Structure formats: C-alpha cells, structure tokens
Amino acid sequence: MNSLKPEDTAVYYCNAVSDELGYDID
C-alpha cells in the first residue's frame, strides 16, 4: 500500500476461496 490516504483507514481482512469440499467456500 503506497500513497496512503486517511480514507484508507480500516481493518483489513485476508480472504481465501477453497474448493476442498467440491464447491467454493470462503
């Protein structure tokens, strides 16, 4: 993240999509 702005303030969450069960889950 470069050139950060005050409006970038937030909690940032990582997400992964897996098909381990044969369909997409988050």
PDB file of all heavy atoms in Angstrom:
ATOM      1  N   MET A   1       0.844  -1.182   0.000  1.00  0.00           N
ATOM      2  CA  MET A   1       0.000   0.000   0.000  1.00  0.00           C
ATOM      3  C   MET A   1       0.886   1.239   0.000  1.00  0.00           C
ATOM      4  O   MET A   1       1.623   1.487   0.957  1.00  0.00           O
ATOM      5  CB  MET A   1      -0.928   0.012   1.215  1.00  0.00           C
ATOM      6  CG  MET A   1      -1.787  -1.248   1.341  1.00  0.00           C
ATOM      7  SD  MET A   1      -3.004  -1.131   2.679  1.00  0.00           S
ATOM      8  CE  MET A   1      -1.901  -1.072   4.095  1.00  0.00           C
ATOM      9  N   ASN A   2       0.823   2.010  -1.070  1.00  0.00           N
ATOM     10  CA  ASN A   2       1.581   3.242  -1.209  1.00  0.00           C
ATOM     11  C   ASN A   2       0.638   4.431  -1.288  1.00  0.00           C
ATOM     12  O   ASN A   2      -0.551   4.283  -1.557  1.00  0.00           O
ATOM     13  CB  ASN A   2       2.461   3.192  -2.461  1.00  0.00           C
ATOM     14  CG  ASN A   2       3.482   2.087  -2.433  1.00  0.00           C
ATOM     15  OD1 ASN A   2       4.010   1.731  -1.383  1.00  0.00           O
ATOM     16  ND2 ASN A   2       3.784   1.536  -3.611  1.00  0.00           N
ATOM     17  N   SER A   3       1.187   5.620  -1.077  1.00  0.00           N
ATOM     18  CA  SER A   3       0.408   6.861  -1.152  1.00  0.00           C
ATOM     19  C   SER A   3      -0.874   6.764  -0.338  1.00  0.00           C
ATOM     20  O   SER A   3      -1.962   7.107  -0.804  1.00  0.00           O
ATOM     21  CB  SER A   3       0.090   7.198  -2.613  1.00  0.00           C
ATOM     22  OG  SER A   3       1.276   7.334  -3.377  1.00  0.00           O
ATOM     23  N   LEU A   4      -0.744   6.310   0.889  1.00  0.00           N
ATOM     24  CA  LEU A   4      -1.908   6.075   1.733  1.00  0.00           C
ATOM     25  C   LEU A   4      -2.640   7.373   2.047  1.00  0.00           C
ATOM     26  O   LEU A   4      -2.029   8.433   2.209  1.00  0.00           O
ATOM     27  CB  LEU A   4      -1.496   5.377   3.017  1.00  0.00           C
ATOM     28  CG  LEU A   4      -1.227   3.874   2.863  1.00  0.00           C
ATOM     29  CD1 LEU A   4      -0.410   3.345   4.024  1.00  0.00           C
ATOM     30  CD2 LEU A   4      -2.545   3.116   2.743  1.00  0.00           C
ATOM     31  N   LYS A   5      -3.966   7.254   2.132  1.00  0.00           N
ATOM     32  CA  LYS A   5      -4.851   8.370   2.422  1.00  0.00           C
ATOM     33  C   LYS A   5      -5.636   8.088   3.699  1.00  0.00           C
ATOM     34  O   LYS A   5      -5.840   6.930   4.055  1.00  0.00           O
ATOM     35  CB  LYS A   5      -5.835   8.585   1.264  1.00  0.00           C
ATOM     36  CG  LYS A   5      -5.190   8.805  -0.090  1.00  0.00           C
ATOM     37  CD  LYS A   5      -6.246   8.872  -1.181  1.00  0.00           C
ATOM     38  CE  LYS A   5      -5.617   9.076  -2.544  1.00  0.00           C
ATOM     39  NZ  LYS A   5      -6.642   9.129  -3.622  1.00  0.00           N
ATOM     40  N   PRO A   6      -6.098   9.127   4.396  1.00  0.00           N
ATOM     41  CA  PRO A   6      -6.906   8.891   5.599  1.00  0.00           C
ATOM     42  C   PRO A   6      -8.113   7.992   5.350  1.00  0.00           C
ATOM     43  O   PRO A   6      -8.485   7.216   6.239  1.00  0.00           O
ATOM     44  CB  PRO A   6      -7.332  10.305   6.014  1.00  0.00           C
ATOM     45  CG  PRO A   6      -6.219  11.169   5.525  1.00  0.00           C
ATOM     46  CD  PRO A   6      -5.798  10.558   4.213  1.00  0.00           C
ATOM     47  N   GLU A   7      -8.707   8.066   4.172  1.00  0.00           N
ATOM     48  CA  GLU A   7      -9.860   7.225   3.862  1.00  0.00           C
ATOM     49  C   GLU A   7      -9.511   5.751   3.695  1.00  0.00           C
ATOM     50  O   GLU A   7     -10.405   4.915   3.564  1.00  0.00           O
ATOM     51  CB  GLU A   7     -10.602   7.734   2.619  1.00  0.00           C
ATOM     52  CG  GLU A   7      -9.703   7.958   1.416  1.00  0.00           C
ATOM     53  CD  GLU A   7      -9.302   9.413   1.246  1.00  0.00           C
ATOM     54  OE1 GLU A   7      -8.942  10.044   2.255  1.00  0.00           O
ATOM     55  OE2 GLU A   7      -9.353   9.914   0.107  1.00  0.00           O
ATOM     56  N   ASP A   8      -8.224   5.406   3.699  1.00  0.00           N
ATOM     57  CA  ASP A   8      -7.805   4.010   3.699  1.00  0.00           C
ATOM     58  C   ASP A   8      -7.863   3.394   5.090  1.00  0.00           C
ATOM     59  O   ASP A   8      -7.673   2.176   5.226  1.00  0.00           O
ATOM     60  CB  ASP A   8      -6.381   3.867   3.154  1.00  0.00           C
ATOM     61  CG  ASP A   8      -6.263   4.259   1.693  1.00  0.00           C
ATOM     62  OD1 ASP A   8      -7.157   3.898   0.902  1.00  0.00           O
ATOM     63  OD2 ASP A   8      -5.267   4.923   1.343  1.00  0.00           O
ATOM     64  N   THR A   9      -8.106   4.196   6.110  1.00  0.00           N
ATOM     65  CA  THR A   9      -8.175   3.699   7.479  1.00  0.00           C
ATOM     66  C   THR A   9      -9.298   2.674   7.621  1.00  0.00           C
ATOM     67  O   THR A   9     -10.456   2.954   7.296  1.00  0.00           O
ATOM     68  CB  THR A   9      -8.396   4.854   8.461  1.00  0.00           C
ATOM     69  OG1 THR A   9      -7.261   5.725   8.430  1.00  0.00           O
ATOM     70  CG2 THR A   9      -8.577   4.337   9.883  1.00  0.00           C
ATOM     71  N   ALA A  10      -8.953   1.479   8.101  1.00  0.00           N
ATOM     72  CA  ALA A  10      -9.921   0.391   8.225  1.00  0.00           C
ATOM     73  C   ALA A  10      -9.229  -0.816   8.834  1.00  0.00           C
ATOM     74  O   ALA A  10      -8.004  -0.848   8.962  1.00  0.00           O
ATOM     75  CB  ALA A  10     -10.504   0.016   6.857  1.00  0.00           C
ATOM     76  N   VAL A  11     -10.028  -1.822   9.187  1.00  0.00           N
ATOM     77  CA  VAL A  11      -9.496  -3.138   9.496  1.00  0.00           C
ATOM     78  C   VAL A  11      -9.417  -3.904   8.181  1.00  0.00           C
ATOM     79  O   VAL A  11     -10.410  -3.997   7.455  1.00  0.00           O
ATOM     80  CB  VAL A  11     -10.363  -3.895  10.510  1.00  0.00           C
ATOM     81  CG1 VAL A  11      -9.806  -5.301  10.745  1.00  0.00           C
ATOM     82  CG2 VAL A  11     -10.431  -3.135  11.824  1.00  0.00           C
ATOM     83  N   TYR A  12      -8.252  -4.429   7.874  1.00  0.00           N
ATOM     84  CA  TYR A  12      -8.031  -5.157   6.628  1.00  0.00           C
ATOM     85  C   TYR A  12      -8.057  -6.657   6.905  1.00  0.00           C
ATOM     86  O   TYR A  12      -7.353  -7.145   7.795  1.00  0.00           O
ATOM     87  CB  TYR A  12      -6.696  -4.753   6.002  1.00  0.00           C
ATOM     88  CG  TYR A  12      -6.748  -3.406   5.331  1.00  0.00           C
ATOM     89  CD1 TYR A  12      -6.885  -2.244   6.076  1.00  0.00           C
ATOM     90  CD2 TYR A  12      -6.691  -3.294   3.940  1.00  0.00           C
ATOM     91  CE1 TYR A  12      -6.964  -1.005   5.466  1.00  0.00           C
ATOM     92  CE2 TYR A  12      -6.763  -2.062   3.325  1.00  0.00           C
ATOM     93  CZ  TYR A  12      -6.900  -0.917   4.081  1.00  0.00           C
ATOM     94  OH  TYR A  12      -6.975   0.310   3.466  1.00  0.00           O
ATOM     95  N   TYR A  13      -8.878  -7.376   6.129  1.00  0.00           N
ATOM     96  CA  TYR A  13      -9.073  -8.806   6.305  1.00  0.00           C
ATOM     97  C   TYR A  13      -8.553  -9.580   5.103  1.00  0.00           C
ATOM     98  O   TYR A  13      -8.798  -9.195   3.960  1.00  0.00           O
ATOM     99  CB  TYR A  13     -10.554  -9.139   6.483  1.00  0.00           C
ATOM    100  CG  TYR A  13     -11.186  -8.546   7.721  1.00  0.00           C
ATOM    101  CD1 TYR A  13     -11.809  -7.304   7.675  1.00  0.00           C
ATOM    102  CD2 TYR A  13     -11.162  -9.232   8.930  1.00  0.00           C
ATOM    103  CE1 TYR A  13     -12.390  -6.759   8.808  1.00  0.00           C
ATOM    104  CE2 TYR A  13     -11.747  -8.692  10.058  1.00  0.00           C
ATOM    105  CZ  TYR A  13     -12.359  -7.454   9.998  1.00  0.00           C
ATOM    106  OH  TYR A  13     -12.946  -6.922  11.125  1.00  0.00           O
ATOM    107  N   CYS A  14      -7.870 -10.674   5.369  1.00  0.00           N
ATOM    108  CA  CYS A  14      -7.427 -11.591   4.328  1.00  0.00           C
ATOM    109  C   CYS A  14      -8.523 -12.604   4.039  1.00  0.00           C
ATOM    110  O   CYS A  14      -9.206 -13.070   4.962  1.00  0.00           O
ATOM    111  CB  CYS A  14      -6.148 -12.299   4.775  1.00  0.00           C
ATOM    112  SG  CYS A  14      -5.444 -13.420   3.555  1.00  0.00           S
ATOM    113  N   ASN A  15      -8.695 -12.938   2.772  1.00  0.00           N
ATOM    114  CA  ASN A  15      -9.715 -13.885   2.333  1.00  0.00           C
ATOM    115  C   ASN A  15      -9.097 -14.947   1.434  1.00  0.00           C
ATOM    116  O   ASN A  15      -8.202 -14.653   0.648  1.00  0.00           O
ATOM    117  CB  ASN A  15     -10.822 -13.138   1.575  1.00  0.00           C
ATOM    118  CG  ASN A  15     -11.745 -14.067   0.803  1.00  0.00           C
ATOM    119  OD1 ASN A  15     -11.606 -14.208  -0.419  1.00  0.00           O
ATOM    120  ND2 ASN A  15     -12.680 -14.677   1.500  1.00  0.00           N
ATOM    121  N   ALA A  16      -9.573 -16.181   1.560  1.00  0.00           N
ATOM    122  CA  ALA A  16      -9.168 -17.262   0.676  1.00  0.00           C
ATOM    123  C   ALA A  16     -10.394 -18.043   0.249  1.00  0.00           C
ATOM    124  O   ALA A  16     -11.302 -18.270   1.051  1.00  0.00           O
ATOM    125  CB  ALA A  16      -8.164 -18.189   1.359  1.00  0.00           C
ATOM    126  N   VAL A  17     -10.417 -18.450  -1.017  1.00  0.00           N
ATOM    127  CA  VAL A  17     -11.502 -19.259  -1.566  1.00  0.00           C
ATOM    128  C   VAL A  17     -10.970 -20.655  -1.831  1.00  0.00           C
ATOM    129  O   VAL A  17     -10.008 -20.817  -2.588  1.00  0.00           O
ATOM    130  CB  VAL A  17     -12.071 -18.652  -2.854  1.00  0.00           C
ATOM    131  CG1 VAL A  17     -13.205 -19.516  -3.389  1.00  0.00           C
ATOM    132  CG2 VAL A  17     -12.559 -17.236  -2.601  1.00  0.00           C
ATOM    133  N   SER A  18     -11.592 -21.645  -1.210  1.00  0.00           N
ATOM    134  CA  SER A  18     -11.164 -23.035  -1.309  1.00  0.00           C
ATOM    135  C   SER A  18     -12.271 -23.903  -1.897  1.00  0.00           C
ATOM    136  O   SER A  18     -13.454 -23.676  -1.629  1.00  0.00           O
ATOM    137  CB  SER A  18     -10.774 -23.564   0.072  1.00  0.00           C
ATOM    138  OG  SER A  18     -10.598 -24.973   0.058  1.00  0.00           O
ATOM    139  N   ASP A  19     -11.886 -24.910  -2.675  1.00  0.00           N
ATOM    140  CA  ASP A  19     -12.838 -25.884  -3.200  1.00  0.00           C
ATOM    141  C   ASP A  19     -12.597 -27.271  -2.615  1.00  0.00           C
ATOM    142  O   ASP A  19     -12.893 -28.287  -3.246  1.00  0.00           O
ATOM    143  CB  ASP A  19     -12.802 -25.925  -4.731  1.00  0.00           C
ATOM    144  CG  ASP A  19     -11.482 -26.427  -5.296  1.00  0.00           C
ATOM    145  OD1 ASP A  19     -10.548 -26.683  -4.514  1.00  0.00           O
ATOM    146  OD2 ASP A  19     -11.387 -26.570  -6.538  1.00  0.00           O
ATOM    147  N   GLU A  20     -12.099 -27.333  -1.391  1.00  0.00           N
ATOM    148  CA  GLU A  20     -11.749 -28.598  -0.758  1.00  0.00           C
ATOM    149  C   GLU A  20     -12.935 -29.539  -0.598  1.00  0.00           C
ATOM    150  O   GLU A  20     -12.761 -30.761  -0.509  1.00  0.00           O
ATOM    151  CB  GLU A  20     -11.100 -28.346   0.608  1.00  0.00           C
ATOM    152  CG  GLU A  20     -12.005 -27.632   1.593  1.00  0.00           C
ATOM    153  CD  GLU A  20     -11.276 -27.272   2.874  1.00  0.00           C
ATOM    154  OE1 GLU A  20     -10.474 -28.097   3.348  1.00  0.00           O
ATOM    155  OE2 GLU A  20     -11.514 -26.173   3.398  1.00  0.00           O
ATOM    156  N   LEU A  21     -14.150 -29.007  -0.552  1.00  0.00           N
ATOM    157  CA  LEU A  21     -15.361 -29.805  -0.412  1.00  0.00           C
ATOM    158  C   LEU A  21     -16.099 -29.991  -1.726  1.00  0.00           C
ATOM    159  O   LEU A  21     -17.214 -30.508  -1.734  1.00  0.00           O
ATOM    160  CB  LEU A  21     -16.296 -29.177   0.628  1.00  0.00           C
ATOM    161  CG  LEU A  21     -15.730 -29.029   2.038  1.00  0.00           C
ATOM    162  CD1 LEU A  21     -16.756 -28.376   2.951  1.00  0.00           C
ATOM    163  CD2 LEU A  21     -15.299 -30.372   2.592  1.00  0.00           C
ATOM    164  N   GLY A  22     -15.498 -29.573  -2.831  1.00  0.00           N
ATOM    165  CA  GLY A  22     -16.128 -29.696  -4.128  1.00  0.00           C
ATOM    166  C   GLY A  22     -16.913 -28.478  -4.555  1.00  0.00           C
ATOM    167  O   GLY A  22     -17.501 -28.480  -5.642  1.00  0.00           O
ATOM    168  N   TYR A  23     -16.956 -27.445  -3.732  1.00  0.00           N
ATOM    169  CA  TYR A  23     -17.595 -26.181  -4.054  1.00  0.00           C
ATOM    170  C   TYR A  23     -16.845 -25.070  -3.342  1.00  0.00           C
ATOM    171  O   TYR A  23     -16.106 -25.326  -2.386  1.00  0.00           O
ATOM    172  CB  TYR A  23     -19.076 -26.183  -3.648  1.00  0.00           C
ATOM    173  CG  TYR A  23     -19.319 -26.534  -2.203  1.00  0.00           C
ATOM    174  CD1 TYR A  23     -19.353 -25.559  -1.216  1.00  0.00           C
ATOM    175  CD2 TYR A  23     -19.521 -27.861  -1.816  1.00  0.00           C
ATOM    176  CE1 TYR A  23     -19.572 -25.883   0.110  1.00  0.00           C
ATOM    177  CE2 TYR A  23     -19.740 -28.195  -0.493  1.00  0.00           C
ATOM    178  CZ  TYR A  23     -19.765 -27.204   0.470  1.00  0.00           C
ATOM    179  OH  TYR A  23     -19.984 -27.545   1.785  1.00  0.00           O
ATOM    180  N   ASP A  24     -17.012 -23.836  -3.777  1.00  0.00           N
ATOM    181  CA  ASP A  24     -16.262 -22.714  -3.226  1.00  0.00           C
ATOM    182  C   ASP A  24     -16.764 -22.334  -1.842  1.00  0.00           C
ATOM    183  O   ASP A  24     -17.959 -22.142  -1.623  1.00  0.00           O
ATOM    184  CB  ASP A  24     -16.357 -21.502  -4.142  1.00  0.00           C
ATOM    185  CG  ASP A  24     -15.526 -21.647  -5.400  1.00  0.00           C
ATOM    186  OD1 ASP A  24     -14.722 -22.588  -5.481  1.00  0.00           O
ATOM    187  OD2 ASP A  24     -15.678 -20.804  -6.309  1.00  0.00           O
ATOM    188  N   ILE A  25     -15.818 -22.200  -0.902  1.00  0.00           N
ATOM    189  CA  ILE A  25     -16.111 -21.696   0.424  1.00  0.00           C
ATOM    190  C   ILE A  25     -15.084 -20.625   0.775  1.00  0.00           C
ATOM    191  O   ILE A  25     -13.940 -20.665   0.311  1.00  0.00           O
ATOM    192  CB  ILE A  25     -16.127 -22.798   1.497  1.00  0.00           C
ATOM    193  CG1 ILE A  25     -14.790 -23.548   1.532  1.00  0.00           C
ATOM    194  CG2 ILE A  25     -17.267 -23.761   1.253  1.00  0.00           C
ATOM    195  CD1 ILE A  25     -14.694 -24.562   2.654  1.00  0.00           C
ATOM    196  N   ASP A  26     -15.496 -19.663   1.583  1.00  0.00           N
ATOM    197  CA  ASP A  26     -14.640 -18.545   1.981  1.00  0.00           C
ATOM    198  C   ASP A  26     -14.048 -18.767   3.365  1.00  0.00           C
ATOM    199  O   ASP A  26     -14.740 -19.199   4.288  1.00  0.00           O
ATOM    200  CB  ASP A  26     -15.434 -17.238   2.006  1.00  0.00           C
ATOM    201  CG  ASP A  26     -15.700 -16.676   0.627  1.00  0.00           C
ATOM    202  OD1 ASP A  26     -14.853 -16.871  -0.263  1.00  0.00           O
ATOM    203  OD2 ASP A  26     -16.755 -16.033   0.458  1.00  0.00           O
TER     204      ASP A  26
END
